[in-house]
N, C-alpha and C. Protein backbone atom coordinates (compact mmCIF):
# COMPACT_ATOMS: atom_id res chain seq x y z
N MET A 1 -2.97 142.62 110.13
CA MET A 1 -1.32 142.50 110.55
C MET A 1 -0.61 143.14 109.40
N ALA A 2 0.13 144.12 109.62
CA ALA A 2 1.00 144.59 108.75
C ALA A 2 2.02 143.78 108.08
N THR A 3 2.05 144.05 106.74
CA THR A 3 3.01 143.07 105.92
C THR A 3 4.36 143.77 106.00
N ILE A 4 5.46 142.98 105.50
CA ILE A 4 6.73 143.55 105.43
C ILE A 4 6.79 144.75 104.64
N PHE A 5 5.97 144.70 103.69
CA PHE A 5 5.72 145.96 102.61
C PHE A 5 5.06 147.34 103.30
N THR A 6 4.26 146.94 104.29
CA THR A 6 3.84 147.97 105.17
C THR A 6 4.84 148.60 106.13
N LYS A 7 5.50 147.65 106.52
CA LYS A 7 6.51 148.24 107.54
C LYS A 7 7.65 149.16 106.75
N ILE A 8 7.85 148.48 105.42
CA ILE A 8 8.88 149.22 104.37
C ILE A 8 8.28 150.62 104.27
N VAL A 9 7.07 150.58 103.92
CA VAL A 9 6.49 152.04 103.57
C VAL A 9 6.64 152.88 104.73
N ARG A 10 6.19 152.59 105.90
CA ARG A 10 6.38 153.18 107.05
C ARG A 10 7.61 153.67 107.61
N GLY A 11 8.74 153.04 106.89
CA GLY A 11 10.06 153.29 107.49
C GLY A 11 10.46 152.56 108.46
N GLU A 12 9.67 151.58 108.93
CA GLU A 12 10.40 150.55 110.25
C GLU A 12 11.12 149.54 109.84
N ILE A 13 11.20 149.23 108.33
CA ILE A 13 12.26 148.45 107.85
C ILE A 13 12.97 149.39 106.64
N PRO A 14 14.30 149.27 106.86
CA PRO A 14 14.74 150.07 105.73
C PRO A 14 14.77 149.48 104.23
N SER A 15 14.73 150.41 103.27
CA SER A 15 14.74 149.90 101.89
C SER A 15 15.41 150.74 101.13
N TYR A 16 15.68 150.42 99.65
CA TYR A 16 16.15 151.28 98.90
C TYR A 16 15.35 151.69 97.92
N LYS A 17 14.60 152.97 98.50
CA LYS A 17 13.65 153.60 97.74
C LYS A 17 14.25 154.16 96.32
N VAL A 18 13.23 153.90 95.37
CA VAL A 18 13.42 154.42 94.14
C VAL A 18 12.33 155.40 93.45
N ALA A 19 11.38 155.55 94.38
CA ALA A 19 10.24 156.52 93.78
C ALA A 19 9.36 156.54 95.02
N GLU A 20 8.30 157.63 95.26
CA GLU A 20 7.39 157.70 96.10
C GLU A 20 6.51 158.81 95.75
N ASN A 21 5.22 158.88 96.06
CA ASN A 21 4.21 159.77 96.08
C ASN A 21 3.34 159.65 97.00
N GLU A 22 2.33 160.30 97.32
CA GLU A 22 1.47 160.20 98.35
C GLU A 22 0.77 158.75 98.57
N ASP A 23 0.62 158.03 97.34
CA ASP A 23 -0.31 156.98 97.52
C ASP A 23 0.55 155.76 97.23
N TYR A 24 1.56 155.87 96.65
CA TYR A 24 2.31 154.41 96.09
C TYR A 24 4.08 154.92 96.49
N TYR A 25 4.52 153.59 96.58
CA TYR A 25 5.97 153.45 97.02
C TYR A 25 6.75 152.27 96.01
N ALA A 26 7.81 152.82 95.70
CA ALA A 26 8.85 151.82 95.04
C ALA A 26 10.01 151.67 95.50
N PHE A 27 10.54 150.45 95.54
CA PHE A 27 11.91 150.19 96.23
C PHE A 27 12.55 148.89 95.34
N LEU A 28 13.81 148.72 95.58
CA LEU A 28 14.68 147.70 95.10
C LEU A 28 14.25 146.47 95.95
N ASP A 29 13.99 145.38 95.09
CA ASP A 29 13.95 144.13 95.37
C ASP A 29 15.41 143.43 96.38
N ILE A 30 15.36 143.01 97.36
CA ILE A 30 16.52 142.80 98.13
C ILE A 30 17.13 141.40 97.58
N ALA A 31 16.50 140.52 96.93
CA ALA A 31 16.78 139.27 96.21
C ALA A 31 16.41 139.27 94.81
N PRO A 32 17.20 140.44 94.23
CA PRO A 32 16.68 140.75 92.66
C PRO A 32 16.96 139.57 91.51
N LEU A 33 16.09 139.54 90.58
CA LEU A 33 16.43 138.61 89.44
C LEU A 33 17.47 139.25 88.65
N THR A 34 17.58 140.53 88.57
CA THR A 34 18.58 141.28 87.73
C THR A 34 18.62 142.61 88.51
N ALA A 35 19.85 143.23 88.27
CA ALA A 35 20.16 144.48 89.01
C ALA A 35 19.14 145.51 88.56
N GLY A 36 18.51 146.29 89.59
CA GLY A 36 17.52 147.24 89.09
C GLY A 36 15.96 146.53 89.51
N HIS A 37 15.89 145.30 89.63
CA HIS A 37 14.49 144.91 89.91
C HIS A 37 13.89 145.60 91.20
N THR A 38 12.72 146.26 90.72
CA THR A 38 12.05 147.08 91.58
C THR A 38 10.41 146.31 92.08
N LEU A 39 10.31 146.84 93.24
CA LEU A 39 8.76 146.30 93.51
C LEU A 39 7.93 147.91 93.81
N VAL A 40 6.75 147.80 93.29
CA VAL A 40 6.02 148.88 93.41
C VAL A 40 4.76 148.35 94.22
N VAL A 41 4.52 149.34 95.22
CA VAL A 41 3.23 148.81 96.07
C VAL A 41 2.49 150.04 96.40
N PRO A 42 1.05 149.88 96.54
CA PRO A 42 0.25 150.98 97.07
C PRO A 42 0.43 151.02 98.60
N LYS A 43 0.63 152.22 98.97
CA LYS A 43 0.72 152.61 100.59
C LYS A 43 -0.53 152.37 101.38
N HIS A 44 -1.55 152.51 101.01
CA HIS A 44 -2.57 152.43 101.92
C HIS A 44 -3.54 151.35 101.57
N VAL A 45 -3.15 150.20 100.93
CA VAL A 45 -4.06 149.30 100.78
C VAL A 45 -3.21 147.99 101.19
N GLU A 46 -3.46 146.99 101.86
CA GLU A 46 -2.69 145.77 102.02
C GLU A 46 -3.46 144.52 101.67
N ASP A 47 -4.54 144.73 100.69
CA ASP A 47 -4.89 143.55 100.17
C ASP A 47 -3.84 142.65 99.46
N ASP A 48 -3.74 141.51 99.26
CA ASP A 48 -2.81 140.87 98.58
C ASP A 48 -3.29 140.37 97.05
N TYR A 49 -4.19 140.85 96.42
CA TYR A 49 -4.60 140.54 95.25
C TYR A 49 -5.00 141.69 94.48
N ILE A 50 -4.16 142.03 93.49
CA ILE A 50 -4.39 143.30 92.59
C ILE A 50 -5.56 143.63 92.01
N PHE A 51 -6.22 142.42 91.65
CA PHE A 51 -7.72 142.72 91.35
C PHE A 51 -8.79 142.86 92.19
N HIS A 52 -8.08 142.77 93.18
CA HIS A 52 -9.20 143.36 94.53
C HIS A 52 -9.31 144.63 94.87
N LEU A 53 -8.28 145.63 94.20
CA LEU A 53 -8.18 146.94 94.43
C LEU A 53 -9.29 147.72 93.77
N ASP A 54 -9.58 148.84 94.35
CA ASP A 54 -10.69 149.58 93.78
C ASP A 54 -9.98 149.92 92.61
N GLU A 55 -10.90 150.59 91.70
CA GLU A 55 -10.47 151.21 90.26
C GLU A 55 -9.50 152.18 90.37
N LYS A 56 -9.78 153.14 91.40
CA LYS A 56 -8.92 154.34 91.38
C LYS A 56 -7.42 153.91 91.84
N THR A 57 -7.38 153.03 92.82
CA THR A 57 -6.04 152.56 93.33
C THR A 57 -5.43 151.74 92.25
N TYR A 58 -5.99 150.89 91.61
CA TYR A 58 -5.58 149.90 90.56
C TYR A 58 -4.91 150.73 89.45
N GLU A 59 -5.81 151.48 88.77
CA GLU A 59 -5.16 152.60 87.63
C GLU A 59 -4.07 153.44 88.37
N GLY A 60 -4.19 153.88 89.58
CA GLY A 60 -3.03 154.73 90.03
C GLY A 60 -1.98 153.88 90.16
N LEU A 61 -2.00 152.72 90.68
CA LEU A 61 -0.70 151.95 90.77
C LEU A 61 -0.13 151.46 89.43
N TRP A 62 -0.82 151.10 88.58
CA TRP A 62 -0.15 151.08 87.15
C TRP A 62 0.36 152.31 86.41
N ALA A 63 -0.17 153.38 86.65
CA ALA A 63 0.25 154.65 86.08
C ALA A 63 1.66 154.99 86.81
N PHE A 64 1.63 154.88 88.24
CA PHE A 64 2.78 155.00 88.98
C PHE A 64 3.90 154.01 88.55
N ALA A 65 3.52 152.77 88.18
CA ALA A 65 4.59 151.82 87.97
C ALA A 65 4.97 152.09 86.47
N ARG A 66 4.34 152.49 85.57
CA ARG A 66 4.81 152.94 84.23
C ARG A 66 5.89 153.92 84.47
N LYS A 67 5.59 155.04 85.36
CA LYS A 67 6.77 155.88 85.31
C LYS A 67 7.76 155.52 86.13
N VAL A 68 7.81 154.46 87.00
CA VAL A 68 8.96 153.92 87.65
C VAL A 68 9.68 152.96 86.58
N ALA A 69 8.79 152.55 85.66
CA ALA A 69 9.60 151.48 84.76
C ALA A 69 10.38 152.44 83.54
N LEU A 70 9.89 153.57 83.59
CA LEU A 70 10.77 154.30 82.67
C LEU A 70 11.96 154.60 83.09
N ALA A 71 12.02 155.14 84.40
CA ALA A 71 12.95 155.61 85.08
C ALA A 71 13.99 154.42 85.33
N VAL A 72 13.72 153.29 85.51
CA VAL A 72 14.43 151.91 85.51
C VAL A 72 15.02 151.74 84.45
N LYS A 73 14.16 151.95 83.20
CA LYS A 73 14.95 151.83 81.94
C LYS A 73 16.04 152.86 81.55
N ALA A 74 15.91 154.20 81.99
CA ALA A 74 16.61 154.97 81.62
C ALA A 74 18.12 154.86 82.61
N ALA A 75 17.82 154.49 83.82
CA ALA A 75 19.23 154.23 84.59
C ALA A 75 19.85 152.89 84.74
N VAL A 76 19.12 151.89 84.32
CA VAL A 76 19.92 150.53 84.23
C VAL A 76 19.77 149.93 82.97
N PRO A 77 20.97 149.78 82.49
CA PRO A 77 21.12 149.06 81.15
C PRO A 77 20.44 148.00 80.71
N CYS A 78 19.43 148.18 79.88
CA CYS A 78 18.54 146.79 79.45
C CYS A 78 17.78 147.30 78.37
N LYS A 79 17.14 145.87 77.75
CA LYS A 79 16.52 146.08 76.53
C LYS A 79 15.18 146.57 76.80
N ARG A 80 14.41 145.99 77.71
CA ARG A 80 13.09 146.18 78.24
C ARG A 80 13.03 146.11 79.79
N VAL A 81 11.86 146.58 80.33
CA VAL A 81 11.57 146.39 81.80
C VAL A 81 10.33 145.48 81.69
N GLY A 82 10.56 144.17 82.13
CA GLY A 82 9.50 143.37 82.47
C GLY A 82 8.68 143.50 83.41
N VAL A 83 7.38 142.98 83.37
CA VAL A 83 6.44 143.35 84.50
C VAL A 83 5.87 141.89 84.77
N ALA A 84 5.82 141.76 86.18
CA ALA A 84 4.99 140.74 86.72
C ALA A 84 4.30 140.86 87.82
N VAL A 85 3.30 140.30 88.10
CA VAL A 85 2.35 140.26 89.29
C VAL A 85 2.12 138.99 89.71
N LEU A 86 2.84 138.52 90.90
CA LEU A 86 2.33 137.30 91.40
C LEU A 86 1.74 137.27 92.90
N GLY A 87 2.41 137.96 93.64
CA GLY A 87 2.01 138.20 94.94
C GLY A 87 1.53 137.22 95.69
N MET A 88 2.34 136.22 95.81
CA MET A 88 2.53 134.92 96.23
C MET A 88 3.19 135.06 97.74
N GLU A 89 4.29 135.63 97.62
CA GLU A 89 5.35 135.53 98.63
C GLU A 89 5.06 136.49 99.71
N VAL A 90 4.42 137.87 99.27
CA VAL A 90 4.30 138.48 100.41
C VAL A 90 2.90 139.02 100.17
N PRO A 91 1.86 138.93 101.16
CA PRO A 91 0.39 139.25 101.13
C PRO A 91 0.22 140.74 101.25
N HIS A 92 0.68 141.34 100.09
CA HIS A 92 0.48 142.93 99.73
C HIS A 92 0.45 143.04 98.40
N THR A 93 -0.55 143.57 97.47
CA THR A 93 -0.26 143.82 96.21
C THR A 93 1.01 144.30 95.89
N HIS A 94 1.72 143.99 94.94
CA HIS A 94 2.95 144.62 94.37
C HIS A 94 3.36 144.16 92.95
N ILE A 95 3.87 144.92 91.95
CA ILE A 95 4.27 144.76 91.04
C ILE A 95 5.69 144.70 90.77
N HIS A 96 6.32 143.72 90.17
CA HIS A 96 7.57 143.49 89.96
C HIS A 96 8.06 144.34 88.61
N LEU A 97 9.11 144.88 88.55
CA LEU A 97 9.43 145.52 87.28
C LEU A 97 10.99 145.06 87.31
N VAL A 98 11.25 144.31 86.13
CA VAL A 98 12.62 143.64 86.22
C VAL A 98 13.34 144.07 84.91
N PRO A 99 14.59 144.84 84.91
CA PRO A 99 15.41 145.10 83.74
C PRO A 99 15.74 143.80 83.02
N LEU A 100 15.47 143.82 81.68
CA LEU A 100 15.64 142.28 80.74
C LEU A 100 16.69 142.49 79.83
N GLN A 101 17.38 141.74 79.70
CA GLN A 101 18.43 141.59 78.38
C GLN A 101 17.57 140.62 77.71
N GLN A 102 16.88 139.45 78.07
CA GLN A 102 16.25 138.38 77.40
C GLN A 102 15.13 137.99 78.33
N GLU A 103 14.31 137.55 77.59
CA GLU A 103 13.02 136.89 78.47
C GLU A 103 13.45 135.93 79.45
N GLY A 104 14.28 135.12 79.40
CA GLY A 104 14.87 134.42 80.65
C GLY A 104 15.20 135.12 81.81
N ASP A 105 15.25 136.30 81.85
CA ASP A 105 15.67 137.07 82.86
C ASP A 105 14.40 137.09 83.83
N LEU A 106 13.10 137.11 83.36
CA LEU A 106 12.02 137.05 84.40
C LEU A 106 11.59 135.58 84.78
N ASP A 107 12.55 134.93 85.03
CA ASP A 107 12.32 133.49 85.52
C ASP A 107 12.46 133.60 87.00
N PHE A 108 11.44 133.55 87.78
CA PHE A 108 11.38 133.41 89.28
C PHE A 108 12.03 132.36 89.89
N ARG A 109 12.17 131.15 89.02
CA ARG A 109 12.85 130.04 89.52
C ARG A 109 14.29 130.00 89.58
N LYS A 110 14.97 131.00 88.78
CA LYS A 110 16.43 131.20 88.89
C LYS A 110 16.97 131.59 90.04
N GLU A 111 18.24 131.51 90.36
CA GLU A 111 19.02 131.94 91.54
C GLU A 111 18.79 133.46 91.66
N LYS A 112 18.55 134.14 92.85
CA LYS A 112 18.49 135.45 92.91
C LYS A 112 19.94 136.05 93.06
N LEU A 113 20.08 137.27 92.62
CA LEU A 113 21.38 138.01 92.78
C LEU A 113 21.67 138.31 94.29
N GLN A 114 22.74 138.54 94.72
CA GLN A 114 23.18 139.03 95.97
C GLN A 114 24.19 140.05 95.46
N LEU A 115 23.67 141.48 95.64
CA LEU A 115 24.27 142.44 95.37
C LEU A 115 24.86 143.24 96.66
N PRO A 116 26.08 143.92 96.48
CA PRO A 116 26.42 144.47 97.74
C PRO A 116 25.76 145.75 98.01
N ALA A 117 25.65 146.21 99.30
CA ALA A 117 24.85 147.41 99.63
C ALA A 117 25.15 148.61 98.79
N ASP A 118 26.23 148.82 98.63
CA ASP A 118 26.89 149.95 97.85
C ASP A 118 26.40 150.10 96.67
N GLU A 119 26.27 148.99 95.79
CA GLU A 119 25.72 149.03 94.70
C GLU A 119 24.34 149.16 94.64
N MET A 120 23.68 148.55 95.47
CA MET A 120 22.20 148.83 95.72
C MET A 120 21.57 150.13 95.85
N ALA A 121 22.49 150.78 96.82
CA ALA A 121 22.10 152.43 97.05
C ALA A 121 22.64 152.99 95.61
N ARG A 122 23.41 152.66 94.94
CA ARG A 122 23.88 153.34 93.58
C ARG A 122 22.87 153.28 92.88
N ILE A 123 22.34 152.07 92.57
CA ILE A 123 20.91 151.67 91.65
C ILE A 123 19.95 152.61 91.89
N ALA A 124 19.63 152.67 93.29
CA ALA A 124 18.32 153.15 93.82
C ALA A 124 18.22 154.61 93.70
N ALA A 125 19.65 155.26 93.69
CA ALA A 125 19.94 156.57 93.69
C ALA A 125 19.64 156.96 92.23
N SER A 126 20.41 156.09 91.42
CA SER A 126 20.15 156.49 89.86
C SER A 126 18.65 156.48 89.21
N ILE A 127 18.05 155.38 89.75
CA ILE A 127 16.64 155.12 89.38
C ILE A 127 15.85 156.49 89.81
N LEU A 128 16.08 156.81 91.23
CA LEU A 128 15.37 157.92 91.71
C LEU A 128 15.43 159.22 91.02
N LYS A 129 16.90 159.36 90.49
CA LYS A 129 17.14 160.62 89.94
C LYS A 129 16.37 160.61 88.72
N GLU A 130 16.18 159.54 87.91
CA GLU A 130 15.55 159.30 86.53
C GLU A 130 13.98 159.76 86.90
N PHE A 131 13.50 158.94 88.15
CA PHE A 131 12.00 159.33 88.41
C PHE A 131 11.88 160.89 88.59
N GLU A 132 12.69 161.34 89.38
CA GLU A 132 12.43 162.96 89.64
C GLU A 132 12.50 163.60 88.44
N ALA A 133 13.40 163.37 87.38
CA ALA A 133 13.54 164.10 86.25
C ALA A 133 12.25 163.96 85.39
N LEU A 134 11.36 162.87 85.35
CA LEU A 134 10.03 162.63 84.73
C LEU A 134 9.01 163.43 85.32
N SER A 135 9.04 164.12 86.68
CA SER A 135 8.04 164.53 87.20
C SER A 135 7.99 166.16 86.90
């Protein structure tokens, strides 16, 4: 059964795309911890546990996530980009990239932001521009 992330990758559900290649897709989280909170997913694997991925997919996902994180850092004012792999809420391997000003920004228990669509689109376009500049 296709996950919500599979439907996003296929274009069946709209997303704020920030990066894409043949094997991986990155998009803004619609309930972000901070502005620019990005999710990175493999396109062709729906396993929900990152350590079940074959070595090539696992290494490729992290290499892609690194490039996306560099783009996020360049596009969103922050001290660092934090990384989390939880995978409990959607059964599809994914990496969270969260722009941080302080460690507490990476607390998934805190209230999520509700950003207007135009701000989400602006952030996504800015990250995509930085990602493309890295290519």
